[in-house]
Amino acid sequence: MILSTAERSYLYDSLVQTPPIRPDSRSEHQFRPLEAKTSFLPSSNGSARIRLMDGSECIVSVKAKVVRASQETNLLECDVDVSGHRDDSNFVANLKFNLTNILSQNFPKEVLKLTSKYSFKLFLDCLVISHSSYPLSLLSLTSYLALKTTRLPLLVSDVDDAEVEEQPTFSDDWTNSRLMADLGETTFQPPIFITLGVVGNNLLFDPSTEEEQVLENGLILSWYDGKVISPASNINLASNSNNSNFKGMNAKLIVNSLALVKKYGGAIVHALDTLIEQDDDNDGRVF
């Protein structure tokens, strides 16, 4: 919904207060409530679906394919579709680039290795069914849940195939499969993006579509392995309206944003892990 001039002025004055008064009564560091379902696509190795309180919705499916490691330069491939946007649009291309970049640079490729010749290759198919605010965080959180619940079949053939042309064979019993997140030396926690809105001297986690229209700037920060990582970038989040408030940003706010994400990033990941633990019946219901 596009706000009128009077509505923008009222909302802006509310958000620059100390503490800010958000339309939905959230605190600065609070995300919008969401509903999630994991492992509901029977033909996928991993899957997740998230719906936010404003109706935004995203589905991510993870599929694994056996490939010759010598013929693949990248063992992780992402594809992003956004309802209402062309696949070749800059909007979709930027989302796909950011998601592919952060996952490729922070993924333990060793967990995909099968033998001296063969590896698994993962394909992430991401579909944003609907969105009102900038959907990168929504994509990222859904991808986190899908990757954390991805299962890979148990290899039963010889792992040393350097001298033979043996194709890998796997157990037919899916109960022998293992969670990909548990295959490495430590449990894999996929990286996530956290979106912050800048208004006055305040930083707002996960700004809504109404808040995006009065923000003075936007930040996208990345969290992985218990710390803030690169990339970190600023962005005009109000892509669907003319935001006349958009301006430069005080460098002090960048430092403050890093401190906030460092403070609350672990809690966000813990909340996602709790969602997975609570959704362990895998009965096929989406919500």
C-alpha atoms as a PDB file:
ATOM      1  CA  MET A   1       0.000   0.000   0.000  1.00  0.00           C
ATOM      2  CA  ILE A   2       1.376   3.407  -1.015  1.00  0.00           C
ATOM      3  CA  LEU A   3       1.094   5.926   1.820  1.00  0.00           C
ATOM      4  CA  SER A   4      -0.167   9.462   1.356  1.00  0.00           C
ATOM      5  CA  THR A   5       2.041  12.457   2.169  1.00  0.00           C
ATOM      6  CA  ALA A   6       0.302  12.967   5.516  1.00  0.00           C
ATOM      7  CA  GLU A   7       0.645   9.277   6.403  1.00  0.00           C
ATOM      8  CA  ARG A   8       4.337   9.324   5.551  1.00  0.00           C
ATOM      9  CA  SER A   9       4.918  12.388   7.694  1.00  0.00           C
ATOM     10  CA  TYR A  10       3.100  10.836  10.672  1.00  0.00           C
ATOM     11  CA  LEU A  11       4.939   7.514  10.320  1.00  0.00           C
ATOM     12  CA  TYR A  12       8.323   9.193   9.952  1.00  0.00           C
ATOM     13  CA  ASP A  13       7.770  11.286  13.089  1.00  0.00           C
ATOM     14  CA  SER A  14       6.830   8.095  14.960  1.00  0.00           C
ATOM     15  CA  LEU A  15       9.890   6.162  13.831  1.00  0.00           C
ATOM     16  CA  VAL A  16      12.436   8.850  14.734  1.00  0.00           C
ATOM     17  CA  GLN A  17      11.276   8.861  18.363  1.00  0.00           C
ATOM     18  CA  THR A  18      13.430   7.328  21.088  1.00  0.00           C
ATOM     19  CA  PRO A  19      12.498   4.527  21.220  1.00  0.00           C
ATOM     20  CA  PRO A  20      10.778   4.380  17.809  1.00  0.00           C
ATOM     21  CA  ILE A  21       7.036   3.758  17.657  1.00  0.00           C
ATOM     22  CA  ARG A  22       6.492   1.146  14.939  1.00  0.00           C
ATOM     23  CA  PRO A  23       3.024   0.652  13.367  1.00  0.00           C
ATOM     24  CA  ASP A  24       2.855  -2.994  14.488  1.00  0.00           C
ATOM     25  CA  SER A  25       4.285  -2.283  17.979  1.00  0.00           C
ATOM     26  CA  ARG A  26       7.505  -4.238  17.364  1.00  0.00           C
ATOM     27  CA  SER A  27      10.729  -3.261  19.084  1.00  0.00           C
ATOM     28  CA  GLU A  28      13.724  -2.130  17.004  1.00  0.00           C
ATOM     29  CA  HIS A  29      15.324  -5.596  16.858  1.00  0.00           C
ATOM     30  CA  GLN A  30      12.125  -7.655  16.487  1.00  0.00           C
ATOM     31  CA  PHE A  31      11.244  -9.548  13.293  1.00  0.00           C
ATOM     32  CA  ARG A  32       7.691  -9.923  12.020  1.00  0.00           C
ATOM     33  CA  PRO A  33       5.970 -13.105  13.260  1.00  0.00           C
ATOM     34  CA  LEU A  34       6.203 -15.996  10.807  1.00  0.00           C
ATOM     35  CA  GLU A  35       4.889 -19.487  10.223  1.00  0.00           C
ATOM     36  CA  ALA A  36       7.155 -22.169   8.818  1.00  0.00           C
ATOM     37  CA  LYS A  37       7.049 -25.732   7.547  1.00  0.00           C
ATOM     38  CA  THR A  38      10.000 -27.947   6.648  1.00  0.00           C
ATOM     39  CA  SER A  39      10.486 -31.221   4.745  1.00  0.00           C
ATOM     40  CA  PHE A  40       7.071 -31.100   3.102  1.00  0.00           C
ATOM     41  CA  LEU A  41       8.104 -31.698  -0.542  1.00  0.00           C
ATOM     42  CA  PRO A  42       8.483 -35.474  -1.011  1.00  0.00           C
ATOM     43  CA  SER A  43      10.620 -35.210  -4.166  1.00  0.00           C
ATOM     44  CA  SER A  44      13.224 -32.914  -2.583  1.00  0.00           C
ATOM     45  CA  ASN A  45      16.184 -33.645  -0.343  1.00  0.00           C
ATOM     46  CA  GLY A  46      15.188 -30.631   1.727  1.00  0.00           C
ATOM     47  CA  SER A  47      12.435 -28.039   1.629  1.00  0.00           C
ATOM     48  CA  ALA A  48      10.996 -25.172   3.628  1.00  0.00           C
ATOM     49  CA  ARG A  49       8.150 -22.700   3.431  1.00  0.00           C
ATOM     50  CA  ILE A  50       7.787 -19.431   5.357  1.00  0.00           C
ATOM     51  CA  ARG A  51       4.816 -17.106   5.523  1.00  0.00           C
ATOM     52  CA  LEU A  52       4.982 -13.717   7.254  1.00  0.00           C
ATOM     53  CA  MET A  53       2.116 -11.973   9.007  1.00  0.00           C
ATOM     54  CA  ASP A  54       1.668  -9.572   6.056  1.00  0.00           C
ATOM     55  CA  GLY A  55       1.086 -12.460   3.616  1.00  0.00           C
ATOM     56  CA  SER A  56       4.603 -12.608   2.193  1.00  0.00           C
ATOM     57  CA  GLU A  57       5.455 -16.203   1.326  1.00  0.00           C
ATOM     58  CA  CYS A  58       8.477 -18.108   0.065  1.00  0.00           C
ATOM     59  CA  ILE A  59       9.254 -21.749  -0.792  1.00  0.00           C
ATOM     60  CA  VAL A  60      12.739 -23.235  -1.166  1.00  0.00           C
ATOM     61  CA  SER A  61      13.480 -26.723  -2.451  1.00  0.00           C
ATOM     62  CA  VAL A  62      16.903 -28.388  -2.260  1.00  0.00           C
ATOM     63  CA  LYS A  63      17.788 -31.258  -4.586  1.00  0.00           C
ATOM     64  CA  ALA A  64      21.045 -33.219  -4.732  1.00  0.00           C
ATOM     65  CA  LYS A  65      22.609 -34.708  -7.853  1.00  0.00           C
ATOM     66  CA  VAL A  66      25.696 -36.907  -8.188  1.00  0.00           C
ATOM     67  CA  VAL A  67      28.338 -35.256 -10.416  1.00  0.00           C
ATOM     68  CA  ARG A  68      31.992 -35.726 -11.308  1.00  0.00           C
ATOM     69  CA  ALA A  69      33.849 -33.302  -9.086  1.00  0.00           C
ATOM     70  CA  SER A  70      36.454 -32.557 -11.755  1.00  0.00           C
ATOM     71  CA  GLN A  71      33.747 -31.296 -14.131  1.00  0.00           C
ATOM     72  CA  GLU A  72      32.008 -28.943 -11.673  1.00  0.00           C
ATOM     73  CA  THR A  73      33.486 -25.655 -10.534  1.00  0.00           C
ATOM     74  CA  ASN A  74      30.530 -24.901  -8.254  1.00  0.00           C
ATOM     75  CA  LEU A  75      28.750 -27.524  -6.158  1.00  0.00           C
ATOM     76  CA  LEU A  76      25.933 -25.165  -5.177  1.00  0.00           C
ATOM     77  CA  GLU A  77      23.544 -23.563  -7.656  1.00  0.00           C
ATOM     78  CA  CYS A  78      20.669 -21.202  -6.831  1.00  0.00           C
ATOM     79  CA  ASP A  79      17.682 -20.209  -8.917  1.00  0.00           C
ATOM     80  CA  VAL A  80      15.284 -17.477  -7.800  1.00  0.00           C
ATOM     81  CA  ASP A  81      11.785 -16.726  -9.108  1.00  0.00           C
ATOM     82  CA  VAL A  82       9.731 -13.815  -7.806  1.00  0.00           C
ATOM     83  CA  SER A  83       6.041 -13.584  -8.614  1.00  0.00           C
ATOM     84  CA  GLY A  84       5.312 -10.476 -10.666  1.00  0.00           C
ATOM     85  CA  HIS A  85       8.914  -9.981 -11.837  1.00  0.00           C
ATOM     86  CA  ARG A  86      10.670 -11.155 -14.996  1.00  0.00           C
ATOM     87  CA  ASP A  87      13.416 -13.688 -14.476  1.00  0.00           C
ATOM     88  CA  ASP A  88      15.907 -11.409 -16.258  1.00  0.00           C
ATOM     89  CA  SER A  89      14.972  -8.257 -14.308  1.00  0.00           C
ATOM     90  CA  ASN A  90      17.571  -6.472 -12.178  1.00  0.00           C
ATOM     91  CA  PHE A  91      15.404  -7.030  -9.100  1.00  0.00           C
ATOM     92  CA  VAL A  92      15.515 -10.828  -9.432  1.00  0.00           C
ATOM     93  CA  ALA A  93      19.135 -10.839 -10.625  1.00  0.00           C
ATOM     94  CA  ASN A  94      20.288  -8.948  -7.510  1.00  0.00           C
ATOM     95  CA  LEU A  95      18.428 -11.316  -5.189  1.00  0.00           C
ATOM     96  CA  LYS A  96      19.908 -14.337  -6.959  1.00  0.00           C
ATOM     97  CA  PHE A  97      23.440 -12.887  -6.919  1.00  0.00           C
ATOM     98  CA  ASN A  98      23.338 -12.044  -3.203  1.00  0.00           C
ATOM     99  CA  LEU A  99      21.949 -15.449  -2.197  1.00  0.00           C
ATOM    100  CA  THR A 100      24.334 -17.404  -4.449  1.00  0.00           C
ATOM    101  CA  ASN A 101      27.335 -15.355  -3.355  1.00  0.00           C
ATOM    102  CA  ILE A 102      26.845 -15.740   0.393  1.00  0.00           C
ATOM    103  CA  LEU A 103      26.072 -19.470   0.195  1.00  0.00           C
ATOM    104  CA  SER A 104      28.934 -20.287  -2.201  1.00  0.00           C
ATOM    105  CA  GLN A 105      31.507 -18.471  -0.085  1.00  0.00           C
ATOM    106  CA  ASN A 106      30.355 -19.935   3.239  1.00  0.00           C
ATOM    107  CA  PHE A 107      29.457 -23.519   2.455  1.00  0.00           C
ATOM    108  CA  PRO A 108      31.466 -26.547   3.678  1.00  0.00           C
ATOM    109  CA  LYS A 109      31.972 -28.253   0.320  1.00  0.00           C
ATOM    110  CA  GLU A 110      33.674 -31.226   1.991  1.00  0.00           C
ATOM    111  CA  VAL A 111      30.325 -32.543   3.249  1.00  0.00           C
ATOM    112  CA  LEU A 112      29.265 -33.069  -0.378  1.00  0.00           C
ATOM    113  CA  LYS A 113      32.255 -35.243  -1.297  1.00  0.00           C
ATOM    114  CA  LEU A 114      31.330 -38.877  -1.967  1.00  0.00           C
ATOM    115  CA  THR A 115      34.426 -40.530  -3.412  1.00  0.00           C
ATOM    116  CA  SER A 116      37.712 -39.475  -4.985  1.00  0.00           C
ATOM    117  CA  LYS A 117      35.811 -38.824  -8.233  1.00  0.00           C
ATOM    118  CA  TYR A 118      32.222 -38.006  -7.327  1.00  0.00           C
ATOM    119  CA  SER A 119      30.407 -35.423  -5.248  1.00  0.00           C
ATOM    120  CA  PHE A 120      26.903 -34.230  -4.597  1.00  0.00           C
ATOM    121  CA  LYS A 121      25.827 -30.983  -6.251  1.00  0.00           C
ATOM    122  CA  LEU A 122      23.004 -29.039  -4.616  1.00  0.00           C
ATOM    123  CA  PHE A 123      20.327 -27.137  -6.514  1.00  0.00           C
ATOM    124  CA  LEU A 124      18.336 -24.527  -4.593  1.00  0.00           C
ATOM    125  CA  ASP A 125      15.063 -23.566  -6.254  1.00  0.00           C
ATOM    126  CA  CYS A 126      13.609 -20.498  -4.545  1.00  0.00           C
ATOM    127  CA  LEU A 127      10.122 -19.164  -5.242  1.00  0.00           C
ATOM    128  CA  VAL A 128       8.845 -15.934  -3.702  1.00  0.00           C
ATOM    129  CA  ILE A 129       5.089 -16.417  -4.040  1.00  0.00           C
ATOM    130  CA  SER A 130       4.211 -12.996  -2.666  1.00  0.00           C
ATOM    131  CA  HIS A 131       6.016 -10.140  -0.959  1.00  0.00           C
ATOM    132  CA  SER A 132       5.356  -6.579   0.121  1.00  0.00           C
ATOM    133  CA  SER A 133       8.743  -5.573   1.560  1.00  0.00           C
ATOM    134  CA  TYR A 134      12.186  -6.324   0.121  1.00  0.00           C
ATOM    135  CA  PRO A 135      12.320 -10.161   0.129  1.00  0.00           C
ATOM    136  CA  LEU A 136      16.040 -10.907   0.601  1.00  0.00           C
ATOM    137  CA  SER A 137      15.715 -11.732   4.302  1.00  0.00           C
ATOM    138  CA  LEU A 138      12.651 -13.879   3.576  1.00  0.00           C
ATOM    139  CA  LEU A 139      14.617 -15.785   0.919  1.00  0.00           C
ATOM    140  CA  SER A 140      17.578 -16.164   3.243  1.00  0.00           C
ATOM    141  CA  LEU A 141      15.605 -17.467   6.234  1.00  0.00           C
ATOM    142  CA  THR A 142      13.703 -19.960   4.082  1.00  0.00           C
ATOM    143  CA  SER A 143      16.953 -21.176   2.512  1.00  0.00           C
ATOM    144  CA  TYR A 144      18.388 -21.619   6.008  1.00  0.00           C
ATOM    145  CA  LEU A 145      15.521 -23.901   7.034  1.00  0.00           C
ATOM    146  CA  ALA A 146      15.686 -25.870   3.768  1.00  0.00           C
ATOM    147  CA  LEU A 147      19.443 -26.467   3.994  1.00  0.00           C
ATOM    148  CA  LYS A 148      19.314 -27.369   7.681  1.00  0.00           C
ATOM    149  CA  THR A 149      16.720 -30.079   6.941  1.00  0.00           C
ATOM    150  CA  THR A 150      18.378 -31.404   3.763  1.00  0.00           C
ATOM    151  CA  ARG A 151      19.082 -35.132   3.948  1.00  0.00           C
ATOM    152  CA  LEU A 152      21.583 -37.036   1.793  1.00  0.00           C
ATOM    153  CA  PRO A 153      21.382 -40.794   1.125  1.00  0.00           C
ATOM    154  CA  LEU A 154      23.885 -43.168   2.702  1.00  0.00           C
ATOM    155  CA  LEU A 155      26.742 -44.223   0.393  1.00  0.00           C
ATOM    156  CA  VAL A 156      27.204 -48.010   0.453  1.00  0.00           C
ATOM    157  CA  SER A 157      29.783 -48.450  -2.332  1.00  0.00           C
ATOM    158  CA  ASP A 158      33.545 -48.011  -1.983  1.00  0.00           C
ATOM    159  CA  VAL A 159      34.756 -44.461  -1.351  1.00  0.00           C
ATOM    160  CA  ASP A 160      38.121 -45.167  -3.010  1.00  0.00           C
ATOM    161  CA  ASP A 161      37.342 -45.352  -6.739  1.00  0.00           C
ATOM    162  CA  ALA A 162      40.508 -43.765  -8.141  1.00  0.00           C
ATOM    163  CA  GLU A 163      41.412 -46.912 -10.105  1.00  0.00           C
ATOM    164  CA  VAL A 164      37.914 -48.007 -11.150  1.00  0.00           C
ATOM    165  CA  GLU A 165      34.940 -46.559 -12.990  1.00  0.00           C
ATOM    166  CA  GLU A 166      32.426 -47.467 -10.329  1.00  0.00           C
ATOM    167  CA  GLN A 167      29.321 -45.321 -10.013  1.00  0.00           C
ATOM    168  CA  PRO A 168      28.343 -44.513  -6.410  1.00  0.00           C
ATOM    169  CA  THR A 169      25.486 -46.596  -5.049  1.00  0.00           C
ATOM    170  CA  PHE A 170      23.318 -45.688  -2.084  1.00  0.00           C
ATOM    171  CA  SER A 171      21.160 -47.390   0.509  1.00  0.00           C
ATOM    172  CA  ASP A 172      17.540 -47.889  -0.558  1.00  0.00           C
ATOM    173  CA  ASP A 173      16.388 -47.260   2.997  1.00  0.00           C
ATOM    174  CA  TRP A 174      15.773 -43.535   3.413  1.00  0.00           C
ATOM    175  CA  THR A 175      15.843 -43.928   7.195  1.00  0.00           C
ATOM    176  CA  ASN A 176      19.616 -44.423   6.781  1.00  0.00           C
ATOM    177  CA  SER A 177      19.993 -40.967   5.235  1.00  0.00           C
ATOM    178  CA  ARG A 178      21.731 -38.281   7.247  1.00  0.00           C
ATOM    179  CA  LEU A 179      21.148 -34.581   7.709  1.00  0.00           C
ATOM    180  CA  MET A 180      23.678 -32.687   5.610  1.00  0.00           C
ATOM    181  CA  ALA A 181      24.177 -30.207   8.452  1.00  0.00           C
ATOM    182  CA  ASP A 182      25.597 -33.014  10.633  1.00  0.00           C
ATOM    183  CA  LEU A 183      28.070 -34.483   8.113  1.00  0.00           C
ATOM    184  CA  GLY A 184      30.979 -32.127   8.790  1.00  0.00           C
ATOM    185  CA  GLU A 185      33.242 -31.854  11.793  1.00  0.00           C
ATOM    186  CA  THR A 186      30.856 -29.287  13.275  1.00  0.00           C
ATOM    187  CA  THR A 187      27.143 -28.677  12.709  1.00  0.00           C
ATOM    188  CA  PHE A 188      26.651 -26.474   9.646  1.00  0.00           C
ATOM    189  CA  GLN A 189      24.735 -23.234  10.235  1.00  0.00           C
ATOM    190  CA  PRO A 190      23.920 -21.680   6.829  1.00  0.00           C
ATOM    191  CA  PRO A 191      24.544 -17.928   6.523  1.00  0.00           C
ATOM    192  CA  ILE A 192      21.607 -15.518   6.596  1.00  0.00           C
ATOM    193  CA  PHE A 193      20.904 -11.945   5.529  1.00  0.00           C
ATOM    194  CA  ILE A 194      19.492  -9.441   8.015  1.00  0.00           C
ATOM    195  CA  THR A 195      17.791  -6.310   6.678  1.00  0.00           C
ATOM    196  CA  LEU A 196      17.825  -3.079   8.686  1.00  0.00           C
ATOM    197  CA  GLY A 197      16.085   0.206   8.006  1.00  0.00           C
ATOM    198  CA  VAL A 198      17.698   3.532   8.912  1.00  0.00           C
ATOM    199  CA  VAL A 199      15.492   6.404  10.064  1.00  0.00           C
ATOM    200  CA  GLY A 200      16.935   9.278  12.053  1.00  0.00           C
ATOM    201  CA  ASN A 201      19.324   7.728  14.563  1.00  0.00           C
ATOM    202  CA  ASN A 202      17.307   4.524  14.800  1.00  0.00           C
ATOM    203  CA  LEU A 203      17.950   1.131  13.206  1.00  0.00           C
ATOM    204  CA  LEU A 204      14.938  -1.111  12.556  1.00  0.00           C
ATOM    205  CA  PHE A 205      15.201  -4.854  11.971  1.00  0.00           C
ATOM    206  CA  ASP A 206      13.041  -6.304   9.198  1.00  0.00           C
ATOM    207  CA  PRO A 207      11.214  -3.108   8.133  1.00  0.00           C
ATOM    208  CA  SER A 208       7.659  -3.501   6.852  1.00  0.00           C
ATOM    209  CA  THR A 209       6.464  -2.161   3.501  1.00  0.00           C
ATOM    210  CA  GLU A 210       5.001   0.934   5.192  1.00  0.00           C
ATOM    211  CA  GLU A 211       8.245   1.617   7.046  1.00  0.00           C
ATOM    212  CA  GLU A 212      10.303   1.191   3.879  1.00  0.00           C
ATOM    213  CA  GLN A 213       8.527   4.192   2.353  1.00  0.00           C
ATOM    214  CA  VAL A 214       9.885   6.622   4.956  1.00  0.00           C
ATOM    215  CA  LEU A 215      13.326   5.158   5.627  1.00  0.00           C
ATOM    216  CA  GLU A 216      16.360   7.345   5.066  1.00  0.00           C
ATOM    217  CA  ASN A 217      18.517   4.388   4.068  1.00  0.00           C
ATOM    218  CA  GLY A 218      18.688   0.625   4.279  1.00  0.00           C
ATOM    219  CA  LEU A 219      21.364  -1.889   5.258  1.00  0.00           C
ATOM    220  CA  ILE A 220      21.819  -5.559   4.413  1.00  0.00           C
ATOM    221  CA  LEU A 221      24.182  -7.387   6.762  1.00  0.00           C
ATOM    222  CA  SER A 222      25.259 -11.034   6.769  1.00  0.00           C
ATOM    223  CA  TRP A 223      25.543 -13.420   9.723  1.00  0.00           C
ATOM    224  CA  TYR A 224      27.440 -16.705   9.757  1.00  0.00           C
ATOM    225  CA  ASP A 225      29.261 -18.870  12.286  1.00  0.00           C
ATOM    226  CA  GLY A 226      28.486 -16.583  15.209  1.00  0.00           C
ATOM    227  CA  LYS A 227      29.711 -13.344  13.643  1.00  0.00           C
ATOM    228  CA  VAL A 228      28.927 -10.641  11.124  1.00  0.00           C
ATOM    229  CA  ILE A 229      30.557 -11.341   7.772  1.00  0.00           C
ATOM    230  CA  SER A 230      30.834  -9.663   4.391  1.00  0.00           C
ATOM    231  CA  PRO A 231      29.023  -8.593   2.329  1.00  0.00           C
ATOM    232  CA  ALA A 232      27.495  -5.579   4.038  1.00  0.00           C
ATOM    233  CA  SER A 233      25.798  -3.039   1.807  1.00  0.00           C
ATOM    234  CA  ASN A 234      23.306  -0.195   1.831  1.00  0.00           C
ATOM    235  CA  ILE A 235      20.199  -0.197  -0.336  1.00  0.00           C
ATOM    236  CA  ASN A 236      17.014   1.755  -0.981  1.00  0.00           C
ATOM    237  CA  LEU A 237      14.492  -0.780   0.290  1.00  0.00           C
ATOM    238  CA  ALA A 238      11.447   1.125  -1.018  1.00  0.00           C
ATOM    239  CA  SER A 239      11.640  -0.382  -4.493  1.00  0.00           C
ATOM    240  CA  ASN A 240       7.886  -0.061  -5.073  1.00  0.00           C
ATOM    241  CA  SER A 241       7.443   3.616  -4.190  1.00  0.00           C
ATOM    242  CA  ASN A 242       9.122   7.005  -4.484  1.00  0.00           C
ATOM    243  CA  ASN A 243      10.948   7.474  -1.186  1.00  0.00           C
ATOM    244  CA  SER A 244      11.780  11.157  -0.938  1.00  0.00           C
ATOM    245  CA  ASN A 245      13.469  10.681   2.447  1.00  0.00           C
ATOM    246  CA  PHE A 246      16.356   8.611   1.066  1.00  0.00           C
ATOM    247  CA  LYS A 247      19.711  10.193   1.926  1.00  0.00           C
ATOM    248  CA  GLY A 248      23.264   9.433   2.969  1.00  0.00           C
ATOM    249  CA  MET A 249      24.071   7.722   6.248  1.00  0.00           C
ATOM    250  CA  ASN A 250      26.084   8.661   9.297  1.00  0.00           C
ATOM    251  CA  ALA A 251      29.104   6.364   9.596  1.00  0.00           C
ATOM    252  CA  LYS A 252      28.328   5.917  13.296  1.00  0.00           C
ATOM    253  CA  LEU A 253      25.101   4.143  12.361  1.00  0.00           C
ATOM    254  CA  ILE A 254      27.058   1.562  10.381  1.00  0.00           C
ATOM    255  CA  VAL A 255      29.082   0.756  13.491  1.00  0.00           C
ATOM    256  CA  ASN A 256      25.866   0.595  15.523  1.00  0.00           C
ATOM    257  CA  SER A 257      24.271  -1.747  12.977  1.00  0.00           C
ATOM    258  CA  LEU A 258      27.210  -4.154  13.207  1.00  0.00           C
ATOM    259  CA  ALA A 259      26.911  -4.158  16.996  1.00  0.00           C
ATOM    260  CA  LEU A 260      23.151  -4.812  16.837  1.00  0.00           C
ATOM    261  CA  VAL A 261      23.486  -7.730  14.440  1.00  0.00           C
ATOM    262  CA  LYS A 262      26.301  -9.145  16.552  1.00  0.00           C
ATOM    263  CA  LYS A 263      24.028  -8.889  19.591  1.00  0.00           C
ATOM    264  CA  TYR A 264      20.898 -10.432  18.066  1.00  0.00           C
ATOM    265  CA  GLY A 265      22.180 -12.591  15.186  1.00  0.00           C
ATOM    266  CA  GLY A 266      22.627 -15.627  17.404  1.00  0.00           C
ATOM    267  CA  ALA A 267      19.080 -15.279  18.756  1.00  0.00           C
ATOM    268  CA  ILE A 268      17.684 -15.226  15.201  1.00  0.00           C
ATOM    269  CA  VAL A 269      19.509 -18.447  14.301  1.00  0.00           C
ATOM    270  CA  HIS A 270      18.407 -20.052  17.566  1.00  0.00           C
ATOM    271  CA  ALA A 271      14.781 -19.160  16.788  1.00  0.00           C
ATOM    272  CA  LEU A 272      15.081 -20.803  13.343  1.00  0.00           C
ATOM    273  CA  ASP A 273      16.591 -23.942  14.874  1.00  0.00           C
ATOM    274  CA  THR A 274      13.725 -24.019  17.375  1.00  0.00           C
ATOM    275  CA  LEU A 275      11.240 -23.899  14.491  1.00  0.00           C
ATOM    276  CA  ILE A 276      12.895 -26.988  13.009  1.00  0.00           C
ATOM    277  CA  GLU A 277      12.756 -28.840  16.328  1.00  0.00           C
ATOM    278  CA  GLN A 278       9.080 -28.001  16.772  1.00  0.00           C
ATOM    279  CA  ASP A 279       8.256 -29.120  13.229  1.00  0.00           C
ATOM    280  CA  ASP A 280       9.569 -32.686  13.486  1.00  0.00           C
ATOM    281  CA  ASP A 281       6.359 -34.576  12.638  1.00  0.00           C
ATOM    282  CA  ASN A 282       6.825 -34.090   8.855  1.00  0.00           C
ATOM    283  CA  ASP A 283       3.178 -34.885   8.240  1.00  0.00           C
ATOM    284  CA  GLY A 284       2.961 -32.917   4.998  1.00  0.00           C
ATOM    285  CA  ARG A 285       0.903 -30.029   6.333  1.00  0.00           C
ATOM    286  CA  VAL A 286       2.251 -26.677   5.194  1.00  0.00           C
ATOM    287  CA  PHE A 287       0.986 -24.538   8.079  1.00  0.00           C
END
